[in-house]
Amino acid sequence: MLKAATFPRLRAVEEALSSSEVSGSRGLVAKTNPETAQPRDLQTFLERVQKARPLIAGYLANAKASKKDNDISFIFNDTYSADAVTDAREALESIAKDVFGAPVKISVETTAPAVKEKPGKEDPVLKAFQKHLGGEVVETRRSK
């Protein structure tokens, strides 16, 4: 078996890989984003979420988190992640209770501007379609 270090171009890569911090058995390099860096108690909570709900942990990794007393708040830049975490709130509160030993309330906020739900009759795109196609705007009926 040939070792990668015998190839001159790969020697630098092997040295970089062997000197970096490697986390877990997957060989993933641990990266710390200073904007989303967490205190140690929150880090323990996020590690437990990673084991129990990996998809939600991925969303939480991109949020700004803070813990005050028995309240953990997550601030997201997009509403999609915030909605996913809101849907998993009960599971997160259960994990937090196990980690912190007391009931913890999870709050989710977003910094993204609210999306306009219904375009009005003044929407220029709708006006152009109306003028070109000669139609009218009606409410849609959604079945429950």
N, C-alpha and C. Protein backbone atom coordinates (compact mmCIF):
# COMPACT_ATOMS: atom_id res chain seq x y z
N MET A 1 0.85 -1.17 0.00
CA MET A 1 0.00 0.00 0.00
C MET A 1 0.90 1.24 0.00
N LEU A 2 0.58 2.21 -0.83
CA LEU A 2 1.33 3.45 -0.91
C LEU A 2 0.73 4.48 0.03
N LYS A 3 1.57 5.18 0.71
CA LYS A 3 1.11 6.26 1.57
C LYS A 3 1.03 7.53 0.72
N ALA A 4 0.00 8.34 0.97
CA ALA A 4 -0.21 9.54 0.16
C ALA A 4 0.95 10.51 0.27
N ALA A 5 1.70 10.47 1.36
CA ALA A 5 2.81 11.40 1.55
C ALA A 5 3.96 11.14 0.58
N THR A 6 3.96 9.98 -0.06
CA THR A 6 5.04 9.71 -1.02
C THR A 6 4.86 10.52 -2.29
N PHE A 7 3.66 11.03 -2.53
CA PHE A 7 3.44 11.90 -3.66
C PHE A 7 3.68 13.33 -3.22
N PRO A 8 4.59 14.07 -3.86
CA PRO A 8 4.96 15.41 -3.39
C PRO A 8 3.78 16.37 -3.28
N ARG A 9 2.85 16.35 -4.20
CA ARG A 9 1.73 17.29 -4.16
C ARG A 9 0.76 16.98 -3.02
N LEU A 10 0.65 15.74 -2.66
CA LEU A 10 -0.30 15.34 -1.63
C LEU A 10 0.28 15.43 -0.21
N ARG A 11 1.59 15.59 -0.09
CA ARG A 11 2.22 15.66 1.22
C ARG A 11 1.66 16.84 2.04
N ALA A 12 1.49 18.00 1.41
CA ALA A 12 0.96 19.17 2.11
C ALA A 12 -0.49 18.93 2.54
N VAL A 13 -1.24 18.24 1.71
CA VAL A 13 -2.63 17.95 2.06
C VAL A 13 -2.69 17.01 3.25
N GLU A 14 -1.86 15.98 3.24
CA GLU A 14 -1.85 15.03 4.35
C GLU A 14 -1.42 15.69 5.65
N GLU A 15 -0.43 16.58 5.58
CA GLU A 15 0.01 17.29 6.78
C GLU A 15 -1.10 18.18 7.32
N ALA A 16 -1.81 18.85 6.44
CA ALA A 16 -2.91 19.73 6.87
C ALA A 16 -4.02 18.91 7.51
N LEU A 17 -4.33 17.75 6.94
CA LEU A 17 -5.38 16.91 7.50
C LEU A 17 -4.99 16.31 8.84
N SER A 18 -3.73 15.93 8.98
CA SER A 18 -3.32 15.31 10.24
C SER A 18 -3.17 16.32 11.36
N SER A 19 -2.93 17.58 11.05
CA SER A 19 -2.76 18.59 12.10
C SER A 19 -4.05 19.29 12.48
N SER A 20 -5.12 19.14 11.67
CA SER A 20 -6.37 19.81 11.98
C SER A 20 -7.15 19.03 13.02
N GLU A 21 -8.09 19.73 13.67
CA GLU A 21 -8.97 19.07 14.64
C GLU A 21 -10.00 18.28 13.87
N VAL A 22 -10.08 17.00 14.14
CA VAL A 22 -11.04 16.15 13.48
C VAL A 22 -12.07 15.74 14.51
N SER A 23 -13.35 15.87 14.14
CA SER A 23 -14.40 15.51 15.07
C SER A 23 -15.15 14.29 14.58
N GLY A 24 -15.38 13.34 15.46
CA GLY A 24 -16.18 12.17 15.14
C GLY A 24 -15.44 11.19 14.26
N SER A 25 -16.12 10.13 13.90
CA SER A 25 -15.51 9.09 13.09
C SER A 25 -15.63 9.38 11.61
N ARG A 26 -16.37 10.38 11.24
CA ARG A 26 -16.56 10.71 9.82
C ARG A 26 -15.39 11.49 9.24
N GLY A 27 -14.53 12.05 10.08
CA GLY A 27 -13.42 12.83 9.58
C GLY A 27 -13.81 14.23 9.19
N LEU A 28 -14.81 14.79 9.83
CA LEU A 28 -15.23 16.15 9.51
C LEU A 28 -14.40 17.14 10.30
N VAL A 29 -13.94 18.17 9.64
CA VAL A 29 -13.15 19.19 10.31
C VAL A 29 -14.10 20.12 11.05
N ALA A 30 -13.81 20.35 12.33
CA ALA A 30 -14.67 21.21 13.14
C ALA A 30 -14.43 22.66 12.76
N LYS A 31 -15.50 23.34 12.40
CA LYS A 31 -15.40 24.75 12.03
C LYS A 31 -16.23 25.55 13.02
N THR A 32 -15.73 26.71 13.38
CA THR A 32 -16.46 27.57 14.30
C THR A 32 -16.74 28.88 13.62
N ASN A 33 -18.00 29.22 13.54
CA ASN A 33 -18.42 30.49 12.98
C ASN A 33 -18.58 31.45 14.15
N PRO A 34 -17.79 32.54 14.21
CA PRO A 34 -17.88 33.43 15.37
C PRO A 34 -19.25 34.07 15.53
N GLU A 35 -20.01 34.19 14.44
CA GLU A 35 -21.33 34.81 14.52
C GLU A 35 -22.33 33.89 15.21
N THR A 36 -22.15 32.56 15.05
CA THR A 36 -23.08 31.62 15.64
C THR A 36 -22.45 30.82 16.78
N ALA A 37 -21.33 31.27 17.32
CA ALA A 37 -20.67 30.57 18.41
C ALA A 37 -21.57 30.56 19.64
N GLN A 38 -21.60 29.41 20.33
CA GLN A 38 -22.53 29.23 21.44
C GLN A 38 -21.75 29.04 22.75
N PRO A 39 -22.35 29.45 23.88
CA PRO A 39 -21.77 29.11 25.17
C PRO A 39 -21.80 27.59 25.36
N ARG A 40 -21.04 27.09 26.31
CA ARG A 40 -20.89 25.65 26.49
C ARG A 40 -22.22 24.94 26.77
N ASP A 41 -23.09 25.50 27.60
CA ASP A 41 -24.35 24.82 27.90
C ASP A 41 -25.24 24.71 26.65
N LEU A 42 -25.25 25.71 25.81
CA LEU A 42 -26.00 25.63 24.56
C LEU A 42 -25.34 24.64 23.60
N GLN A 43 -24.03 24.57 23.65
CA GLN A 43 -23.32 23.63 22.79
C GLN A 43 -23.70 22.19 23.15
N THR A 44 -23.84 21.90 24.43
CA THR A 44 -24.26 20.57 24.87
C THR A 44 -25.66 20.27 24.36
N PHE A 45 -26.54 21.25 24.46
CA PHE A 45 -27.91 21.11 23.95
C PHE A 45 -27.89 20.83 22.45
N LEU A 46 -27.11 21.58 21.69
CA LEU A 46 -27.05 21.40 20.24
C LEU A 46 -26.47 20.04 19.87
N GLU A 47 -25.53 19.55 20.66
CA GLU A 47 -24.97 18.22 20.40
C GLU A 47 -26.03 17.14 20.60
N ARG A 48 -26.85 17.29 21.63
CA ARG A 48 -27.94 16.33 21.87
C ARG A 48 -28.98 16.40 20.76
N VAL A 49 -29.26 17.60 20.28
CA VAL A 49 -30.20 17.75 19.16
C VAL A 49 -29.62 17.09 17.91
N GLN A 50 -28.32 17.22 17.71
CA GLN A 50 -27.65 16.62 16.55
C GLN A 50 -27.84 15.10 16.56
N LYS A 51 -27.78 14.49 17.74
CA LYS A 51 -27.95 13.04 17.83
C LYS A 51 -29.41 12.64 17.63
N ALA A 52 -30.34 13.40 18.20
CA ALA A 52 -31.74 13.03 18.16
C ALA A 52 -32.45 13.49 16.88
N ARG A 53 -32.18 14.71 16.45
CA ARG A 53 -32.86 15.30 15.28
C ARG A 53 -31.83 16.01 14.39
N PRO A 54 -31.06 15.28 13.60
CA PRO A 54 -29.98 15.88 12.81
C PRO A 54 -30.43 16.96 11.83
N LEU A 55 -31.60 16.80 11.24
CA LEU A 55 -32.08 17.81 10.28
C LEU A 55 -32.32 19.14 10.99
N ILE A 56 -32.96 19.09 12.14
CA ILE A 56 -33.24 20.31 12.91
C ILE A 56 -31.94 20.92 13.41
N ALA A 57 -30.99 20.08 13.77
CA ALA A 57 -29.69 20.57 14.23
C ALA A 57 -28.99 21.36 13.11
N GLY A 58 -29.19 20.95 11.89
CA GLY A 58 -28.62 21.69 10.76
C GLY A 58 -29.20 23.09 10.66
N TYR A 59 -30.49 23.22 10.91
CA TYR A 59 -31.10 24.55 10.90
C TYR A 59 -30.60 25.38 12.08
N LEU A 60 -30.49 24.75 13.25
CA LEU A 60 -30.05 25.47 14.45
C LEU A 60 -28.60 25.94 14.34
N ALA A 61 -27.79 25.23 13.56
CA ALA A 61 -26.39 25.61 13.41
C ALA A 61 -26.24 26.96 12.73
N ASN A 62 -27.22 27.35 11.93
CA ASN A 62 -27.15 28.62 11.22
C ASN A 62 -27.90 29.75 11.92
N ALA A 63 -28.39 29.49 13.11
CA ALA A 63 -29.15 30.50 13.85
C ALA A 63 -28.28 31.13 14.93
N LYS A 64 -28.65 32.33 15.32
CA LYS A 64 -28.02 32.97 16.47
C LYS A 64 -28.84 32.56 17.68
N ALA A 65 -28.18 31.94 18.66
CA ALA A 65 -28.90 31.42 19.82
C ALA A 65 -28.45 32.14 21.08
N SER A 66 -29.39 32.26 22.01
CA SER A 66 -29.06 32.81 23.32
C SER A 66 -29.93 32.14 24.36
N LYS A 67 -29.37 31.98 25.56
CA LYS A 67 -30.11 31.36 26.65
C LYS A 67 -30.14 32.34 27.81
N LYS A 68 -31.35 32.56 28.29
CA LYS A 68 -31.52 33.43 29.45
C LYS A 68 -32.49 32.73 30.38
N ASP A 69 -32.02 32.41 31.58
CA ASP A 69 -32.79 31.66 32.56
C ASP A 69 -33.29 30.36 31.92
N ASN A 70 -34.59 30.17 31.85
CA ASN A 70 -35.17 28.96 31.26
C ASN A 70 -35.80 29.26 29.91
N ASP A 71 -35.13 30.06 29.12
CA ASP A 71 -35.63 30.43 27.80
C ASP A 71 -34.47 30.42 26.81
N ILE A 72 -34.63 29.66 25.74
CA ILE A 72 -33.63 29.64 24.66
C ILE A 72 -34.29 30.27 23.45
N SER A 73 -33.63 31.26 22.88
CA SER A 73 -34.19 31.89 21.68
C SER A 73 -33.24 31.70 20.51
N PHE A 74 -33.82 31.41 19.36
CA PHE A 74 -33.08 31.23 18.12
C PHE A 74 -33.56 32.29 17.14
N ILE A 75 -32.61 32.99 16.52
CA ILE A 75 -32.93 34.03 15.54
C ILE A 75 -32.39 33.57 14.19
N PHE A 76 -33.30 33.43 13.23
CA PHE A 76 -32.95 32.94 11.90
C PHE A 76 -32.98 34.06 10.89
N ASN A 77 -32.24 33.87 9.80
CA ASN A 77 -32.24 34.83 8.70
C ASN A 77 -33.31 34.52 7.66
N ASP A 78 -33.87 33.31 7.72
CA ASP A 78 -34.90 32.95 6.75
C ASP A 78 -36.09 32.29 7.45
N THR A 79 -37.24 32.41 6.85
CA THR A 79 -38.45 31.89 7.47
C THR A 79 -38.58 30.38 7.32
N TYR A 80 -37.96 29.79 6.31
CA TYR A 80 -38.06 28.34 6.10
C TYR A 80 -37.47 27.60 7.29
N SER A 81 -36.26 27.97 7.70
CA SER A 81 -35.62 27.33 8.85
C SER A 81 -36.40 27.60 10.13
N ALA A 82 -36.88 28.82 10.28
CA ALA A 82 -37.64 29.17 11.48
C ALA A 82 -38.91 28.34 11.57
N ASP A 83 -39.59 28.12 10.46
CA ASP A 83 -40.81 27.31 10.46
C ASP A 83 -40.51 25.85 10.81
N ALA A 84 -39.41 25.32 10.29
CA ALA A 84 -39.05 23.93 10.57
C ALA A 84 -38.74 23.75 12.06
N VAL A 85 -38.03 24.71 12.65
CA VAL A 85 -37.70 24.63 14.07
C VAL A 85 -38.95 24.84 14.92
N THR A 86 -39.83 25.71 14.50
CA THR A 86 -41.09 25.93 15.22
C THR A 86 -41.92 24.64 15.24
N ASP A 87 -41.94 23.92 14.13
CA ASP A 87 -42.68 22.66 14.08
C ASP A 87 -42.09 21.60 15.02
N ALA A 88 -40.79 21.66 15.26
CA ALA A 88 -40.11 20.69 16.13
C ALA A 88 -39.93 21.21 17.56
N ARG A 89 -40.64 22.25 17.93
CA ARG A 89 -40.46 22.90 19.23
C ARG A 89 -40.65 21.94 20.40
N GLU A 90 -41.68 21.10 20.36
CA GLU A 90 -41.94 20.17 21.47
C GLU A 90 -40.77 19.22 21.68
N ALA A 91 -40.23 18.68 20.60
CA ALA A 91 -39.09 17.77 20.71
C ALA A 91 -37.87 18.51 21.26
N LEU A 92 -37.66 19.74 20.81
CA LEU A 92 -36.53 20.53 21.30
C LEU A 92 -36.68 20.85 22.78
N GLU A 93 -37.89 21.17 23.21
CA GLU A 93 -38.11 21.46 24.63
C GLU A 93 -37.89 20.22 25.49
N SER A 94 -38.23 19.06 24.96
CA SER A 94 -37.98 17.81 25.68
C SER A 94 -36.48 17.55 25.83
N ILE A 95 -35.74 17.76 24.76
CA ILE A 95 -34.28 17.58 24.81
C ILE A 95 -33.67 18.59 25.77
N ALA A 96 -34.14 19.84 25.71
CA ALA A 96 -33.63 20.88 26.60
C ALA A 96 -33.90 20.54 28.06
N LYS A 97 -35.05 19.96 28.33
CA LYS A 97 -35.37 19.58 29.71
C LYS A 97 -34.40 18.51 30.21
N ASP A 98 -34.04 17.57 29.33
CA ASP A 98 -33.07 16.55 29.70
C ASP A 98 -31.69 17.14 29.94
N VAL A 99 -31.29 18.10 29.12
CA VAL A 99 -29.95 18.67 29.22
C VAL A 99 -29.83 19.61 30.42
N PHE A 100 -30.81 20.49 30.60
CA PHE A 100 -30.72 21.52 31.63
C PHE A 100 -31.38 21.13 32.94
N GLY A 101 -32.16 20.05 32.95
CA GLY A 101 -32.77 19.58 34.18
C GLY A 101 -34.01 20.33 34.61
N ALA A 102 -34.50 21.24 33.82
CA ALA A 102 -35.71 22.00 34.13
C ALA A 102 -36.43 22.30 32.82
N PRO A 103 -37.75 22.54 32.90
CA PRO A 103 -38.46 22.90 31.67
C PRO A 103 -37.89 24.17 31.04
N VAL A 104 -37.69 24.13 29.74
CA VAL A 104 -37.11 25.26 29.01
C VAL A 104 -38.06 25.62 27.88
N LYS A 105 -38.28 26.91 27.70
CA LYS A 105 -39.13 27.40 26.61
C LYS A 105 -38.24 27.76 25.43
N ILE A 106 -38.62 27.27 24.26
CA ILE A 106 -37.88 27.56 23.02
C ILE A 106 -38.67 28.62 22.26
N SER A 107 -38.00 29.73 21.93
CA SER A 107 -38.64 30.76 21.12
C SER A 107 -37.86 30.93 19.82
N VAL A 108 -38.61 31.16 18.75
CA VAL A 108 -38.04 31.25 17.41
C VAL A 108 -38.42 32.60 16.81
N GLU A 109 -37.41 33.31 16.30
CA GLU A 109 -37.63 34.60 15.66
C GLU A 109 -36.94 34.60 14.31
N THR A 110 -37.33 35.53 13.46
CA THR A 110 -36.69 35.66 12.16
C THR A 110 -36.39 37.12 11.87
N THR A 111 -35.29 37.34 11.16
CA THR A 111 -34.92 38.71 10.79
C THR A 111 -35.32 39.02 9.36
N ALA A 112 -35.83 38.01 8.64
CA ALA A 112 -36.23 38.21 7.25
C ALA A 112 -37.50 39.04 7.20
N PRO A 113 -37.63 39.92 6.22
CA PRO A 113 -38.86 40.70 6.10
C PRO A 113 -40.03 39.78 5.76
N ALA A 114 -41.19 40.14 6.23
CA ALA A 114 -42.38 39.34 5.98
C ALA A 114 -42.72 39.36 4.49
N VAL A 115 -43.11 38.22 3.99
CA VAL A 115 -43.46 38.10 2.58
C VAL A 115 -44.92 38.51 2.42
N LYS A 116 -45.17 39.31 1.42
CA LYS A 116 -46.53 39.75 1.15
C LYS A 116 -47.35 38.55 0.70
N GLU A 117 -48.40 38.24 1.42
CA GLU A 117 -49.19 37.04 1.16
C GLU A 117 -49.98 37.13 -0.14
N LYS A 118 -50.83 38.15 -0.27
CA LYS A 118 -51.68 38.26 -1.45
C LYS A 118 -51.34 39.52 -2.23
N PRO A 119 -50.99 39.36 -3.48
CA PRO A 119 -50.77 40.56 -4.27
C PRO A 119 -52.12 41.23 -4.55
N GLY A 120 -52.12 42.52 -4.42
CA GLY A 120 -53.37 43.27 -4.63
C GLY A 120 -53.63 43.51 -6.10
N LYS A 121 -54.71 44.20 -6.36
CA LYS A 121 -55.05 44.51 -7.74
C LYS A 121 -54.10 45.55 -8.33
N GLU A 122 -53.29 46.15 -7.49
CA GLU A 122 -52.34 47.17 -7.95
C GLU A 122 -50.99 46.59 -8.37
N ASP A 123 -50.84 45.27 -8.31
CA ASP A 123 -49.60 44.61 -8.69
C ASP A 123 -49.35 44.81 -10.18
N PRO A 124 -48.19 45.36 -10.58
CA PRO A 124 -47.95 45.64 -11.99
C PRO A 124 -47.91 44.38 -12.87
N VAL A 125 -47.46 43.27 -12.32
CA VAL A 125 -47.42 42.04 -13.10
C VAL A 125 -48.83 41.56 -13.38
N LEU A 126 -49.68 41.59 -12.35
CA LEU A 126 -51.07 41.18 -12.54
C LEU A 126 -51.79 42.11 -13.51
N LYS A 127 -51.51 43.40 -13.42
CA LYS A 127 -52.13 44.35 -14.35
C LYS A 127 -51.73 44.04 -15.79
N ALA A 128 -50.46 43.70 -16.00
CA ALA A 128 -49.98 43.40 -17.35
C ALA A 128 -50.68 42.14 -17.89
N PHE A 129 -50.81 41.12 -17.04
CA PHE A 129 -51.52 39.91 -17.48
C PHE A 129 -52.98 40.20 -17.77
N GLN A 130 -53.61 41.00 -16.91
CA GLN A 130 -55.01 41.35 -17.14
C GLN A 130 -55.18 42.07 -18.46
N LYS A 131 -54.31 43.02 -18.73
CA LYS A 131 -54.41 43.82 -19.95
C LYS A 131 -54.18 42.93 -21.17
N HIS A 132 -53.18 42.06 -21.08
CA HIS A 132 -52.82 41.22 -22.23
C HIS A 132 -53.82 40.08 -22.45
N LEU A 133 -54.24 39.45 -21.36
CA LEU A 133 -55.10 38.28 -21.49
C LEU A 133 -56.59 38.57 -21.27
N GLY A 134 -56.90 39.73 -20.70
CA GLY A 134 -58.28 40.10 -20.50
C GLY A 134 -58.97 39.31 -19.41
N GLY A 135 -58.27 38.96 -18.34
CA GLY A 135 -58.87 38.19 -17.25
C GLY A 135 -59.12 39.05 -16.03
N GLU A 136 -59.56 38.41 -14.97
CA GLU A 136 -59.76 39.12 -13.72
C GLU A 136 -59.18 38.29 -12.57
N VAL A 137 -58.83 38.96 -11.49
CA VAL A 137 -58.22 38.30 -10.33
C VAL A 137 -59.35 37.82 -9.42
N VAL A 138 -59.29 36.51 -9.06
CA VAL A 138 -60.28 35.93 -8.16
C VAL A 138 -59.55 35.21 -7.03
N GLU A 139 -60.23 35.03 -5.91
CA GLU A 139 -59.69 34.30 -4.78
C GLU A 139 -59.67 32.81 -5.12
N THR A 140 -58.62 32.11 -4.69
CA THR A 140 -58.58 30.67 -4.90
C THR A 140 -59.27 29.95 -3.75
N ARG A 141 -59.84 28.83 -4.05
CA ARG A 141 -60.48 28.02 -3.02
C ARG A 141 -59.58 26.86 -2.70
N ARG A 142 -59.21 26.75 -1.44
CA ARG A 142 -58.32 25.65 -1.03
C ARG A 142 -59.14 24.66 -0.22
N SER A 143 -59.00 23.39 -0.55
CA SER A 143 -59.68 22.35 0.23
C SER A 143 -58.86 22.04 1.47
N LYS A 144 -59.56 21.70 2.52
CA LYS A 144 -58.87 21.43 3.79
C LYS A 144 -58.63 19.99 3.98
